[in-house]
Amino acid sequence: MHLSSFISSLLLTTSLHRLSTAFPTSKRATTVSGPLIGGANFPDPCIIKAGATWYSFATRTRGSSVHVQVASSSDFQTWSIVRDGGDGGTQRDALPDLPDWVYGPSSNVWAPDVNELDDGSYVMYFSATTAADTSKHCVGAATSRDILGPYTALPTPLFCDLARGGAIDASGFKDWAEKGGAWPSPSESTTADSGADATSPEDSGGGGRGGDRSVV
């Protein structure tokens, strides 16, 4: 072996050793298979950590009066449905009262997304059937001081352009200047101001095909 090849091999071995030391096997990503919430129907979940506990919020289950389900975990491995009054209580509804713009007989609340705000409170974005056109969904917002709620919905939707097909599936994020996200039908995107409440959308005048990102 040439000296240069030997040195290259030595450097590679040293680098790999340092990597294995810095990132031991026990700290690497693992795969968890099988149902994590006892086989419960828990669609479209979002996940957020508050303190030492992980929380997940999900779409309602058909046949249930619960609008937004909640599950929690202390280790990100074992999850339990949150119930009022402990394990023997009724399933907790994080959004028990819907605003008037939602079609009451068939609200179809979908895809909740919860984000922590700068003041330590929480905002939940959600999609629901609008009473103005029961064939379409719009995106609303609700707030709470407690991550488990109950969340109080704003009286009007954040995004509800029925001429463009309504809006669904909000997905919040926190950036230097803007917060949040939703998916309306094609044309302009919508951007919120950078206020602490993250619930004040305004048209940004952007454009694109197949639906545009709406930032809330």
N, C-alpha and C. Protein backbone atom coordinates (compact mmCIF):
# COMPACT_ATOMS: atom_id res chain seq x y z
N MET A 1 0.85 -1.19 0.00
CA MET A 1 0.00 0.00 0.00
C MET A 1 0.89 1.24 0.00
N HIS A 2 0.51 2.17 -0.88
CA HIS A 2 1.26 3.42 -0.92
C HIS A 2 0.98 4.23 0.35
N LEU A 3 1.95 5.10 0.67
CA LEU A 3 1.83 5.91 1.88
C LEU A 3 0.59 6.79 1.83
N SER A 4 0.31 7.36 0.65
CA SER A 4 -0.85 8.25 0.52
C SER A 4 -2.15 7.49 0.76
N SER A 5 -2.23 6.25 0.26
CA SER A 5 -3.42 5.43 0.45
C SER A 5 -3.58 5.06 1.91
N PHE A 6 -2.44 4.76 2.56
CA PHE A 6 -2.47 4.40 3.96
C PHE A 6 -2.98 5.56 4.81
N ILE A 7 -2.47 6.77 4.50
CA ILE A 7 -2.88 7.97 5.25
C ILE A 7 -4.37 8.23 5.04
N SER A 8 -4.85 8.07 3.79
CA SER A 8 -6.27 8.28 3.51
C SER A 8 -7.13 7.30 4.29
N SER A 9 -6.70 6.02 4.32
CA SER A 9 -7.44 5.01 5.06
C SER A 9 -7.45 5.31 6.54
N LEU A 10 -6.32 5.78 7.05
CA LEU A 10 -6.22 6.11 8.47
C LEU A 10 -7.14 7.28 8.84
N LEU A 11 -7.15 8.30 7.96
CA LEU A 11 -8.00 9.45 8.21
C LEU A 11 -9.47 9.06 8.17
N LEU A 12 -9.85 8.20 7.21
CA LEU A 12 -11.24 7.75 7.10
C LEU A 12 -11.65 6.97 8.34
N THR A 13 -10.76 6.06 8.78
CA THR A 13 -11.06 5.25 9.97
C THR A 13 -11.21 6.13 11.20
N THR A 14 -10.33 7.12 11.32
CA THR A 14 -10.40 8.04 12.46
C THR A 14 -11.69 8.85 12.43
N SER A 15 -12.08 9.31 11.23
CA SER A 15 -13.30 10.09 11.10
C SER A 15 -14.53 9.26 11.47
N LEU A 16 -14.58 8.02 10.99
CA LEU A 16 -15.70 7.15 11.30
C LEU A 16 -15.77 6.85 12.79
N HIS A 17 -14.59 6.67 13.42
CA HIS A 17 -14.56 6.43 14.86
C HIS A 17 -15.11 7.63 15.62
N ARG A 18 -14.72 8.84 15.17
CA ARG A 18 -15.21 10.04 15.84
C ARG A 18 -16.72 10.18 15.68
N LEU A 19 -17.23 9.85 14.49
CA LEU A 19 -18.66 9.92 14.25
C LEU A 19 -19.42 8.93 15.12
N SER A 20 -18.89 7.71 15.23
CA SER A 20 -19.56 6.70 16.05
C SER A 20 -19.52 7.06 17.52
N THR A 21 -18.47 7.76 17.93
CA THR A 21 -18.38 8.21 19.32
C THR A 21 -19.33 9.36 19.59
N ALA A 22 -19.40 10.28 18.62
CA ALA A 22 -20.27 11.45 18.79
C ALA A 22 -21.74 11.07 18.70
N PHE A 23 -22.06 10.05 17.87
CA PHE A 23 -23.44 9.64 17.67
C PHE A 23 -23.55 8.14 17.95
N PRO A 24 -23.56 7.74 19.21
CA PRO A 24 -23.65 6.32 19.53
C PRO A 24 -24.95 5.72 19.04
N THR A 25 -24.93 4.40 18.84
CA THR A 25 -26.09 3.71 18.29
C THR A 25 -27.35 3.97 19.08
N SER A 26 -27.22 4.06 20.40
CA SER A 26 -28.40 4.25 21.25
C SER A 26 -29.09 5.58 21.01
N LYS A 27 -28.39 6.54 20.40
CA LYS A 27 -28.96 7.86 20.16
C LYS A 27 -29.47 8.04 18.74
N ARG A 28 -29.28 7.05 17.89
CA ARG A 28 -29.70 7.19 16.50
C ARG A 28 -31.20 6.97 16.38
N ALA A 29 -31.75 7.41 15.23
CA ALA A 29 -33.18 7.28 15.00
C ALA A 29 -33.59 5.81 15.01
N THR A 30 -34.76 5.53 15.55
CA THR A 30 -35.29 4.18 15.57
C THR A 30 -36.65 4.16 14.91
N THR A 31 -37.08 3.00 14.49
CA THR A 31 -38.37 2.82 13.85
C THR A 31 -39.30 2.11 14.82
N VAL A 32 -40.50 2.65 14.98
CA VAL A 32 -41.50 2.03 15.84
C VAL A 32 -42.62 1.54 14.94
N SER A 33 -42.96 0.26 15.04
CA SER A 33 -44.02 -0.30 14.20
C SER A 33 -45.22 -0.66 15.05
N GLY A 34 -46.37 -0.78 14.38
CA GLY A 34 -47.58 -1.16 15.08
C GLY A 34 -48.35 0.04 15.59
N PRO A 35 -49.58 -0.18 16.02
CA PRO A 35 -50.40 0.92 16.53
C PRO A 35 -49.80 1.52 17.80
N LEU A 36 -49.83 2.84 17.89
CA LEU A 36 -49.22 3.54 19.02
C LEU A 36 -50.25 4.05 20.02
N ILE A 37 -51.51 4.05 19.67
CA ILE A 37 -52.54 4.56 20.57
C ILE A 37 -53.59 3.47 20.76
N GLY A 38 -53.13 2.26 20.95
CA GLY A 38 -54.05 1.16 21.20
C GLY A 38 -54.97 0.85 20.05
N GLY A 39 -54.55 1.19 18.83
CA GLY A 39 -55.39 0.91 17.66
C GLY A 39 -56.51 1.91 17.47
N ALA A 40 -56.50 3.01 18.21
CA ALA A 40 -57.57 4.01 18.08
C ALA A 40 -57.54 4.68 16.72
N ASN A 41 -58.71 5.06 16.22
CA ASN A 41 -58.81 5.82 14.98
C ASN A 41 -58.39 7.25 15.29
N PHE A 42 -57.23 7.67 14.78
CA PHE A 42 -56.64 8.97 15.16
C PHE A 42 -56.05 9.62 13.92
N PRO A 43 -56.91 10.10 13.01
CA PRO A 43 -56.43 10.59 11.70
C PRO A 43 -55.81 11.99 11.75
N ASP A 44 -54.97 12.26 10.77
CA ASP A 44 -54.42 13.60 10.52
C ASP A 44 -53.78 14.24 11.75
N PRO A 45 -52.92 13.55 12.46
CA PRO A 45 -52.41 14.11 13.72
C PRO A 45 -51.36 15.19 13.51
N CYS A 46 -51.37 16.17 14.41
CA CYS A 46 -50.24 17.07 14.58
C CYS A 46 -49.59 16.73 15.91
N ILE A 47 -48.32 17.09 16.09
CA ILE A 47 -47.60 16.77 17.32
C ILE A 47 -46.89 18.02 17.82
N ILE A 48 -46.96 18.24 19.12
CA ILE A 48 -46.31 19.39 19.74
C ILE A 48 -45.85 18.99 21.14
N LYS A 49 -44.72 19.53 21.57
CA LYS A 49 -44.22 19.25 22.91
C LYS A 49 -44.43 20.46 23.79
N ALA A 50 -44.96 20.23 24.99
CA ALA A 50 -45.15 21.29 25.98
C ALA A 50 -44.57 20.79 27.29
N GLY A 51 -43.54 21.46 27.79
CA GLY A 51 -42.85 20.98 28.97
C GLY A 51 -42.17 19.66 28.67
N ALA A 52 -42.44 18.65 29.48
CA ALA A 52 -41.83 17.33 29.28
C ALA A 52 -42.78 16.36 28.59
N THR A 53 -43.92 16.85 28.13
CA THR A 53 -44.94 15.97 27.56
C THR A 53 -45.18 16.29 26.09
N TRP A 54 -45.36 15.22 25.30
CA TRP A 54 -45.74 15.35 23.90
C TRP A 54 -47.26 15.26 23.80
N TYR A 55 -47.84 16.07 22.92
CA TYR A 55 -49.28 16.04 22.70
C TYR A 55 -49.54 15.89 21.20
N SER A 56 -50.62 15.20 20.89
CA SER A 56 -51.04 15.05 19.50
C SER A 56 -52.53 15.34 19.40
N PHE A 57 -52.91 16.09 18.37
CA PHE A 57 -54.30 16.45 18.14
C PHE A 57 -54.72 15.86 16.80
N ALA A 58 -55.95 15.37 16.71
CA ALA A 58 -56.35 14.64 15.51
C ALA A 58 -57.79 14.94 15.09
N THR A 59 -58.07 14.58 13.85
CA THR A 59 -59.41 14.67 13.28
C THR A 59 -60.40 13.83 14.08
N ARG A 60 -61.62 14.27 14.09
CA ARG A 60 -62.68 13.54 14.79
C ARG A 60 -62.85 12.12 14.23
N THR A 61 -63.41 11.25 15.05
CA THR A 61 -63.76 9.90 14.62
C THR A 61 -65.22 9.88 14.21
N ARG A 62 -65.52 9.23 13.11
CA ARG A 62 -66.91 9.16 12.66
C ARG A 62 -67.79 8.51 13.73
N GLY A 63 -68.95 9.09 13.93
CA GLY A 63 -69.87 8.57 14.92
C GLY A 63 -69.64 9.14 16.30
N SER A 64 -68.60 9.93 16.48
CA SER A 64 -68.29 10.53 17.78
C SER A 64 -68.68 12.00 17.76
N SER A 65 -69.07 12.51 18.92
CA SER A 65 -69.39 13.92 19.04
C SER A 65 -68.16 14.77 19.33
N VAL A 66 -67.01 14.12 19.53
CA VAL A 66 -65.76 14.83 19.79
C VAL A 66 -65.27 15.47 18.49
N HIS A 67 -65.01 16.77 18.53
CA HIS A 67 -64.56 17.48 17.32
C HIS A 67 -63.06 17.31 17.09
N VAL A 68 -62.27 17.44 18.16
CA VAL A 68 -60.81 17.33 18.05
C VAL A 68 -60.30 16.40 19.17
N GLN A 69 -59.71 15.29 18.77
CA GLN A 69 -59.17 14.34 19.72
C GLN A 69 -57.79 14.79 20.22
N VAL A 70 -57.40 14.30 21.41
CA VAL A 70 -56.09 14.60 21.97
C VAL A 70 -55.48 13.31 22.52
N ALA A 71 -54.18 13.14 22.29
CA ALA A 71 -53.42 12.04 22.89
C ALA A 71 -52.15 12.63 23.49
N SER A 72 -51.55 11.94 24.43
CA SER A 72 -50.33 12.45 25.07
C SER A 72 -49.34 11.32 25.29
N SER A 73 -48.06 11.72 25.43
CA SER A 73 -46.99 10.75 25.67
C SER A 73 -45.86 11.43 26.43
N SER A 74 -45.27 10.70 27.36
CA SER A 74 -44.13 11.25 28.11
C SER A 74 -42.80 10.85 27.48
N ASP A 75 -42.83 9.84 26.58
CA ASP A 75 -41.58 9.33 26.02
C ASP A 75 -41.56 9.26 24.49
N PHE A 76 -42.65 9.72 23.82
CA PHE A 76 -42.78 9.70 22.37
C PHE A 76 -42.93 8.28 21.83
N GLN A 77 -43.07 7.30 22.70
CA GLN A 77 -43.21 5.92 22.29
C GLN A 77 -44.59 5.37 22.66
N THR A 78 -45.01 5.62 23.88
CA THR A 78 -46.29 5.13 24.38
C THR A 78 -47.28 6.29 24.46
N TRP A 79 -48.39 6.15 23.75
CA TRP A 79 -49.37 7.22 23.67
C TRP A 79 -50.70 6.77 24.26
N SER A 80 -51.43 7.72 24.84
CA SER A 80 -52.74 7.44 25.42
C SER A 80 -53.71 8.54 25.02
N ILE A 81 -54.96 8.15 24.74
CA ILE A 81 -56.01 9.13 24.50
C ILE A 81 -56.26 9.91 25.78
N VAL A 82 -56.32 11.23 25.68
CA VAL A 82 -56.58 12.06 26.85
C VAL A 82 -58.08 12.03 27.17
N ARG A 83 -58.38 11.78 28.44
CA ARG A 83 -59.76 11.71 28.90
C ARG A 83 -59.97 12.66 30.07
N ASP A 84 -61.13 13.27 30.13
CA ASP A 84 -61.47 14.13 31.26
C ASP A 84 -61.70 13.27 32.49
N GLY A 85 -61.04 13.61 33.59
CA GLY A 85 -61.23 12.85 34.81
C GLY A 85 -60.41 11.59 34.88
N GLY A 86 -59.40 11.43 34.01
CA GLY A 86 -58.55 10.25 34.08
C GLY A 86 -58.97 9.16 33.11
N ASP A 87 -58.37 7.97 33.27
CA ASP A 87 -58.57 6.89 32.31
C ASP A 87 -60.03 6.47 32.17
N GLY A 88 -60.80 6.59 33.22
CA GLY A 88 -62.19 6.15 33.15
C GLY A 88 -63.16 7.21 32.69
N GLY A 89 -62.66 8.40 32.39
CA GLY A 89 -63.54 9.49 32.00
C GLY A 89 -63.88 9.49 30.52
N THR A 90 -64.64 10.49 30.11
CA THR A 90 -65.01 10.63 28.71
C THR A 90 -63.86 11.22 27.92
N GLN A 91 -63.80 10.91 26.63
CA GLN A 91 -62.72 11.41 25.79
C GLN A 91 -62.76 12.93 25.73
N ARG A 92 -61.59 13.53 25.88
CA ARG A 92 -61.51 14.99 25.89
C ARG A 92 -61.69 15.55 24.48
N ASP A 93 -62.46 16.61 24.38
CA ASP A 93 -62.64 17.34 23.13
C ASP A 93 -61.93 18.68 23.29
N ALA A 94 -60.86 18.89 22.52
CA ALA A 94 -60.09 20.13 22.64
C ALA A 94 -60.83 21.33 22.07
N LEU A 95 -61.83 21.07 21.22
CA LEU A 95 -62.61 22.16 20.61
C LEU A 95 -64.10 21.83 20.75
N PRO A 96 -64.63 21.89 21.96
CA PRO A 96 -66.01 21.43 22.18
C PRO A 96 -67.07 22.33 21.55
N ASP A 97 -66.81 23.63 21.48
CA ASP A 97 -67.80 24.57 20.96
C ASP A 97 -67.33 25.16 19.63
N LEU A 98 -68.14 24.99 18.60
CA LEU A 98 -67.77 25.46 17.27
C LEU A 98 -68.39 26.83 17.01
N PRO A 99 -67.72 27.66 16.20
CA PRO A 99 -68.27 28.99 15.88
C PRO A 99 -69.47 28.88 14.94
N ASP A 100 -70.20 29.97 14.83
CA ASP A 100 -71.44 29.96 14.05
C ASP A 100 -71.20 29.73 12.56
N TRP A 101 -70.00 30.03 12.06
CA TRP A 101 -69.77 29.84 10.63
C TRP A 101 -69.68 28.36 10.23
N VAL A 102 -69.49 27.49 11.22
CA VAL A 102 -69.41 26.05 10.95
C VAL A 102 -70.82 25.47 10.84
N TYR A 103 -71.01 24.56 9.89
CA TYR A 103 -72.30 23.91 9.69
C TYR A 103 -72.51 22.87 10.79
N GLY A 104 -73.40 23.19 11.73
CA GLY A 104 -73.59 22.37 12.92
C GLY A 104 -73.98 20.92 12.70
N PRO A 105 -74.99 20.62 11.85
CA PRO A 105 -75.42 19.23 11.70
C PRO A 105 -74.34 18.28 11.17
N SER A 106 -73.37 18.82 10.44
CA SER A 106 -72.29 17.98 9.91
C SER A 106 -71.02 18.84 9.81
N SER A 107 -70.36 19.04 10.96
CA SER A 107 -69.25 19.99 11.01
C SER A 107 -68.00 19.51 10.31
N ASN A 108 -67.76 18.19 10.33
CA ASN A 108 -66.59 17.60 9.65
C ASN A 108 -65.29 18.36 9.97
N VAL A 109 -64.99 18.49 11.25
CA VAL A 109 -63.76 19.17 11.66
C VAL A 109 -62.58 18.28 11.32
N TRP A 110 -61.62 18.86 10.59
CA TRP A 110 -60.47 18.10 10.08
C TRP A 110 -59.15 18.71 10.54
N ALA A 111 -58.14 17.86 10.55
CA ALA A 111 -56.73 18.25 10.54
C ALA A 111 -56.37 19.41 11.46
N PRO A 112 -56.58 19.28 12.77
CA PRO A 112 -56.17 20.36 13.67
C PRO A 112 -54.65 20.49 13.72
N ASP A 113 -54.18 21.71 13.92
CA ASP A 113 -52.74 21.94 14.04
C ASP A 113 -52.54 22.96 15.15
N VAL A 114 -51.77 22.60 16.17
CA VAL A 114 -51.60 23.44 17.36
C VAL A 114 -50.18 23.98 17.41
N ASN A 115 -50.06 25.26 17.71
CA ASN A 115 -48.77 25.94 17.79
C ASN A 115 -48.72 26.80 19.03
N GLU A 116 -47.54 26.88 19.65
CA GLU A 116 -47.37 27.75 20.81
C GLU A 116 -47.02 29.16 20.34
N LEU A 117 -47.65 30.15 20.95
CA LEU A 117 -47.40 31.54 20.60
C LEU A 117 -46.35 32.15 21.52
N ASP A 118 -45.92 33.35 21.20
CA ASP A 118 -44.83 33.99 21.93
C ASP A 118 -45.15 34.20 23.41
N ASP A 119 -46.43 34.37 23.74
CA ASP A 119 -46.79 34.64 25.13
C ASP A 119 -47.06 33.36 25.93
N GLY A 120 -46.81 32.19 25.32
CA GLY A 120 -47.02 30.93 26.01
C GLY A 120 -48.40 30.33 25.85
N SER A 121 -49.29 31.04 25.18
CA SER A 121 -50.61 30.49 24.88
C SER A 121 -50.54 29.68 23.59
N TYR A 122 -51.67 29.11 23.17
CA TYR A 122 -51.66 28.21 22.02
C TYR A 122 -52.76 28.61 21.03
N VAL A 123 -52.48 28.39 19.76
CA VAL A 123 -53.46 28.60 18.71
C VAL A 123 -53.66 27.29 17.97
N MET A 124 -54.89 26.97 17.71
CA MET A 124 -55.24 25.77 16.94
C MET A 124 -55.87 26.20 15.62
N TYR A 125 -55.31 25.74 14.51
CA TYR A 125 -55.92 25.91 13.21
C TYR A 125 -56.70 24.64 12.90
N PHE A 126 -57.85 24.78 12.27
CA PHE A 126 -58.67 23.61 11.95
C PHE A 126 -59.49 23.89 10.69
N SER A 127 -59.94 22.83 10.05
CA SER A 127 -60.82 22.95 8.89
C SER A 127 -62.19 22.42 9.28
N ALA A 128 -63.25 23.04 8.74
CA ALA A 128 -64.60 22.58 9.04
C ALA A 128 -65.54 22.98 7.91
N THR A 129 -66.64 22.24 7.79
CA THR A 129 -67.65 22.57 6.79
C THR A 129 -68.27 23.91 7.12
N THR A 130 -68.37 24.78 6.11
CA THR A 130 -68.93 26.11 6.34
C THR A 130 -70.44 26.11 6.08
N ALA A 131 -71.17 26.81 6.94
CA ALA A 131 -72.61 26.92 6.77
C ALA A 131 -72.98 27.70 5.51
N ALA A 132 -72.05 28.49 5.00
CA ALA A 132 -72.31 29.29 3.79
C ALA A 132 -72.39 28.44 2.54
N ASP A 133 -71.73 27.27 2.56
CA ASP A 133 -71.75 26.33 1.43
C ASP A 133 -71.32 24.98 1.98
N THR A 134 -72.27 24.11 2.24
CA THR A 134 -71.97 22.85 2.93
C THR A 134 -71.17 21.86 2.08
N SER A 135 -70.86 22.22 0.85
CA SER A 135 -70.00 21.37 0.02
C SER A 135 -68.53 21.75 0.18
N LYS A 136 -68.25 22.78 0.98
CA LYS A 136 -66.88 23.28 1.09
C LYS A 136 -66.44 23.41 2.55
N HIS A 137 -65.13 23.35 2.74
CA HIS A 137 -64.51 23.59 4.04
C HIS A 137 -63.83 24.96 4.05
N CYS A 138 -63.70 25.51 5.24
CA CYS A 138 -62.90 26.71 5.45
C CYS A 138 -61.98 26.48 6.64
N VAL A 139 -60.97 27.31 6.79
CA VAL A 139 -60.00 27.19 7.88
C VAL A 139 -60.32 28.21 8.96
N GLY A 140 -60.39 27.74 10.19
CA GLY A 140 -60.62 28.61 11.33
C GLY A 140 -59.48 28.53 12.32
N ALA A 141 -59.56 29.34 13.36
CA ALA A 141 -58.54 29.34 14.41
C ALA A 141 -59.22 29.42 15.76
N ALA A 142 -58.55 28.86 16.77
CA ALA A 142 -59.05 28.89 18.14
C ALA A 142 -57.86 29.02 19.07
N THR A 143 -58.07 29.61 20.22
CA THR A 143 -56.95 29.86 21.13
C THR A 143 -57.25 29.32 22.53
N SER A 144 -56.16 29.06 23.29
CA SER A 144 -56.30 28.58 24.66
C SER A 144 -55.03 28.89 25.43
N ARG A 145 -55.16 29.14 26.73
CA ARG A 145 -53.99 29.30 27.58
C ARG A 145 -53.40 27.95 27.97
N ASP A 146 -54.23 26.92 27.92
CA ASP A 146 -53.83 25.56 28.28
C ASP A 146 -53.72 24.73 27.01
N ILE A 147 -52.64 23.98 26.86
CA ILE A 147 -52.47 23.22 25.63
C ILE A 147 -53.60 22.23 25.40
N LEU A 148 -54.20 21.71 26.47
CA LEU A 148 -55.29 20.75 26.34
C LEU A 148 -56.63 21.41 26.06
N GLY A 149 -56.67 22.74 26.10
CA GLY A 149 -57.92 23.44 25.87
C GLY A 149 -58.77 23.51 27.14
N PRO A 150 -60.06 23.81 26.98
CA PRO A 150 -60.74 23.93 25.70
C PRO A 150 -60.33 25.17 24.91
N TYR A 151 -60.25 25.02 23.59
CA TYR A 151 -59.91 26.11 22.70
C TYR A 151 -61.17 26.89 22.34
N THR A 152 -61.03 28.22 22.32
CA THR A 152 -62.14 29.10 21.97
C THR A 152 -61.94 29.60 20.55
N ALA A 153 -62.89 29.29 19.69
CA ALA A 153 -62.75 29.62 18.27
C ALA A 153 -63.02 31.09 18.00
N LEU A 154 -62.30 31.63 17.02
CA LEU A 154 -62.61 32.97 16.53
C LEU A 154 -63.97 32.94 15.86
N PRO A 155 -64.73 34.04 15.88
CA PRO A 155 -66.09 34.04 15.35
C PRO A 155 -66.18 33.91 13.84
N THR A 156 -65.11 34.25 13.12
CA THR A 156 -65.12 34.17 11.66
C THR A 156 -63.93 33.33 11.20
N PRO A 157 -64.04 32.69 10.03
CA PRO A 157 -62.93 31.87 9.54
C PRO A 157 -61.73 32.71 9.12
N LEU A 158 -60.55 32.10 9.12
CA LEU A 158 -59.36 32.79 8.63
C LEU A 158 -59.32 32.81 7.12
N PHE A 159 -59.64 31.67 6.50
CA PHE A 159 -59.61 31.53 5.04
C PHE A 159 -60.89 30.87 4.60
N CYS A 160 -61.63 31.56 3.73
CA CYS A 160 -62.91 31.01 3.30
C CYS A 160 -63.33 31.61 1.97
N ASP A 161 -62.47 31.50 0.97
CA ASP A 161 -62.78 32.01 -0.36
C ASP A 161 -63.55 30.94 -1.11
N LEU A 162 -64.86 31.00 -1.02
CA LEU A 162 -65.71 29.96 -1.60
C LEU A 162 -65.62 29.93 -3.13
N ALA A 163 -65.35 31.08 -3.74
CA ALA A 163 -65.22 31.12 -5.20
C ALA A 163 -64.03 30.30 -5.68
N ARG A 164 -63.06 30.07 -4.80
CA ARG A 164 -61.88 29.29 -5.15
C ARG A 164 -61.91 27.89 -4.53
N GLY A 165 -63.04 27.51 -3.98
CA GLY A 165 -63.18 26.15 -3.46
C GLY A 165 -63.01 26.02 -1.97
N GLY A 166 -62.89 27.14 -1.23
CA GLY A 166 -62.70 27.07 0.20
C GLY A 166 -61.24 26.85 0.56
N ALA A 167 -60.98 26.30 1.75
CA ALA A 167 -59.61 26.07 2.21
C ALA A 167 -59.61 24.95 3.23
N ILE A 168 -58.52 24.18 3.25
CA ILE A 168 -58.40 23.06 4.19
C ILE A 168 -56.96 22.93 4.70
N ASP A 169 -56.82 22.08 5.71
CA ASP A 169 -55.52 21.53 6.15
C ASP A 169 -54.48 22.58 6.50
N ALA A 170 -54.76 23.35 7.52
CA ALA A 170 -53.78 24.33 8.00
C ALA A 170 -52.57 23.62 8.61
N SER A 171 -51.41 24.24 8.45
CA SER A 171 -50.17 23.68 9.00
C SER A 171 -49.30 24.84 9.45
N GLY A 172 -49.23 25.05 10.75
CA GLY A 172 -48.55 26.22 11.27
C GLY A 172 -47.05 26.05 11.37
N PHE A 173 -46.32 27.15 11.28
CA PHE A 173 -44.90 27.15 11.56
C PHE A 173 -44.54 28.55 12.08
N LYS A 174 -43.41 28.64 12.74
CA LYS A 174 -42.98 29.91 13.29
C LYS A 174 -41.71 30.34 12.58
N ASP A 175 -41.76 31.53 11.97
CA ASP A 175 -40.63 32.06 11.23
C ASP A 175 -40.26 33.41 11.82
N TRP A 176 -39.19 34.01 11.30
CA TRP A 176 -38.77 35.31 11.81
C TRP A 176 -39.85 36.36 11.62
N ALA A 177 -40.56 36.30 10.50
CA ALA A 177 -41.49 37.38 10.19
C ALA A 177 -42.93 36.94 10.04
N GLU A 178 -43.18 35.62 9.92
CA GLU A 178 -44.55 35.20 9.66
C GLU A 178 -44.79 33.83 10.26
N LYS A 179 -46.06 33.52 10.52
CA LYS A 179 -46.41 32.30 11.21
C LYS A 179 -47.51 31.58 10.46
N GLY A 180 -47.44 30.24 10.39
CA GLY A 180 -48.57 29.42 10.03
C GLY A 180 -48.67 28.98 8.60
N GLY A 181 -49.78 28.32 8.25
CA GLY A 181 -49.99 27.90 6.88
C GLY A 181 -51.32 27.21 6.68
N ALA A 182 -51.88 27.30 5.47
CA ALA A 182 -53.09 26.59 5.11
C ALA A 182 -53.07 26.35 3.62
N TRP A 183 -53.99 25.56 3.11
CA TRP A 183 -53.98 25.22 1.68
C TRP A 183 -55.32 25.57 1.07
N PRO A 184 -55.44 26.76 0.43
CA PRO A 184 -56.68 27.10 -0.25
C PRO A 184 -56.64 26.61 -1.69
N SER A 185 -57.66 26.94 -2.45
CA SER A 185 -57.69 26.60 -3.86
C SER A 185 -56.80 27.56 -4.64
N PRO A 186 -56.58 27.31 -5.96
CA PRO A 186 -55.59 28.09 -6.72
C PRO A 186 -55.84 29.59 -6.71
N SER A 187 -54.76 30.33 -6.80
CA SER A 187 -54.63 31.77 -6.96
C SER A 187 -53.80 32.32 -5.83
N GLU A 188 -54.12 33.55 -5.34
CA GLU A 188 -53.20 34.22 -4.43
C GLU A 188 -52.98 33.42 -3.14
N SER A 189 -51.76 33.49 -2.64
CA SER A 189 -51.52 32.98 -1.29
C SER A 189 -51.92 34.06 -0.32
N THR A 190 -52.04 33.69 0.93
CA THR A 190 -52.47 34.62 1.96
C THR A 190 -51.46 34.61 3.08
N THR A 191 -51.10 35.77 3.59
CA THR A 191 -50.06 35.86 4.60
C THR A 191 -50.56 36.63 5.80
N ALA A 192 -50.26 36.13 6.99
CA ALA A 192 -50.62 36.84 8.20
C ALA A 192 -49.55 37.86 8.52
N ASP A 193 -49.94 38.83 9.36
CA ASP A 193 -48.92 39.72 9.88
C ASP A 193 -48.12 38.97 10.94
N SER A 194 -47.10 39.58 11.48
CA SER A 194 -46.23 38.89 12.43
C SER A 194 -46.64 39.15 13.87
N GLY A 195 -47.91 39.52 14.08
CA GLY A 195 -48.40 39.76 15.43
C GLY A 195 -48.39 38.50 16.27
N ALA A 196 -48.44 38.68 17.57
CA ALA A 196 -48.29 37.55 18.48
C ALA A 196 -49.47 36.59 18.44
N ASP A 197 -50.67 37.05 17.94
CA ASP A 197 -51.81 36.16 17.98
C ASP A 197 -51.84 35.18 16.82
N ALA A 198 -51.11 35.44 15.75
CA ALA A 198 -51.04 34.56 14.57
C ALA A 198 -52.41 34.24 14.02
N THR A 199 -53.33 35.18 14.09
CA THR A 199 -54.69 34.95 13.61
C THR A 199 -55.21 36.10 12.76
N SER A 200 -54.31 36.86 12.10
CA SER A 200 -54.73 38.04 11.36
C SER A 200 -54.24 37.97 9.92
N PRO A 201 -54.95 37.24 9.05
CA PRO A 201 -54.48 37.07 7.68
C PRO A 201 -54.71 38.30 6.81
N GLU A 202 -53.85 38.45 5.82
CA GLU A 202 -54.05 39.49 4.81
C GLU A 202 -53.53 38.96 3.48
N ASP A 203 -54.10 39.44 2.39
CA ASP A 203 -53.72 38.93 1.07
C ASP A 203 -52.32 39.40 0.71
N SER A 204 -51.46 38.45 0.28
CA SER A 204 -50.09 38.81 -0.08
C SER A 204 -49.92 39.00 -1.58
N GLY A 205 -50.94 38.63 -2.37
CA GLY A 205 -50.89 38.86 -3.81
C GLY A 205 -50.01 37.88 -4.57
N GLY A 206 -49.58 36.79 -3.95
CA GLY A 206 -48.78 35.79 -4.66
C GLY A 206 -49.65 34.96 -5.58
N GLY A 207 -49.03 34.12 -6.40
CA GLY A 207 -49.81 33.28 -7.30
C GLY A 207 -49.14 31.96 -7.57
N GLY A 208 -49.86 31.02 -8.12
CA GLY A 208 -49.29 29.73 -8.43
C GLY A 208 -50.34 28.77 -8.91
N ARG A 209 -49.91 27.57 -9.32
CA ARG A 209 -50.83 26.57 -9.84
C ARG A 209 -51.15 25.51 -8.77
N GLY A 210 -52.36 24.96 -8.87
CA GLY A 210 -52.71 23.83 -8.07
C GLY A 210 -52.90 24.11 -6.60
N GLY A 211 -53.16 25.36 -6.24
CA GLY A 211 -53.32 25.73 -4.84
C GLY A 211 -52.06 26.37 -4.31
N ASP A 212 -52.21 27.34 -3.45
CA ASP A 212 -51.08 28.08 -2.92
C ASP A 212 -51.04 28.01 -1.42
N ARG A 213 -49.84 28.18 -0.89
CA ARG A 213 -49.66 28.17 0.55
C ARG A 213 -50.26 29.43 1.14
N SER A 214 -51.01 29.27 2.20
CA SER A 214 -51.53 30.43 2.93
C SER A 214 -50.89 30.45 4.30
N VAL A 215 -50.22 31.51 4.61
CA VAL A 215 -49.49 31.61 5.87
C VAL A 215 -50.33 32.35 6.89
N VAL A 216 -50.50 31.74 8.07
CA VAL A 216 -51.38 32.34 9.09
C VAL A 216 -50.59 32.54 10.38
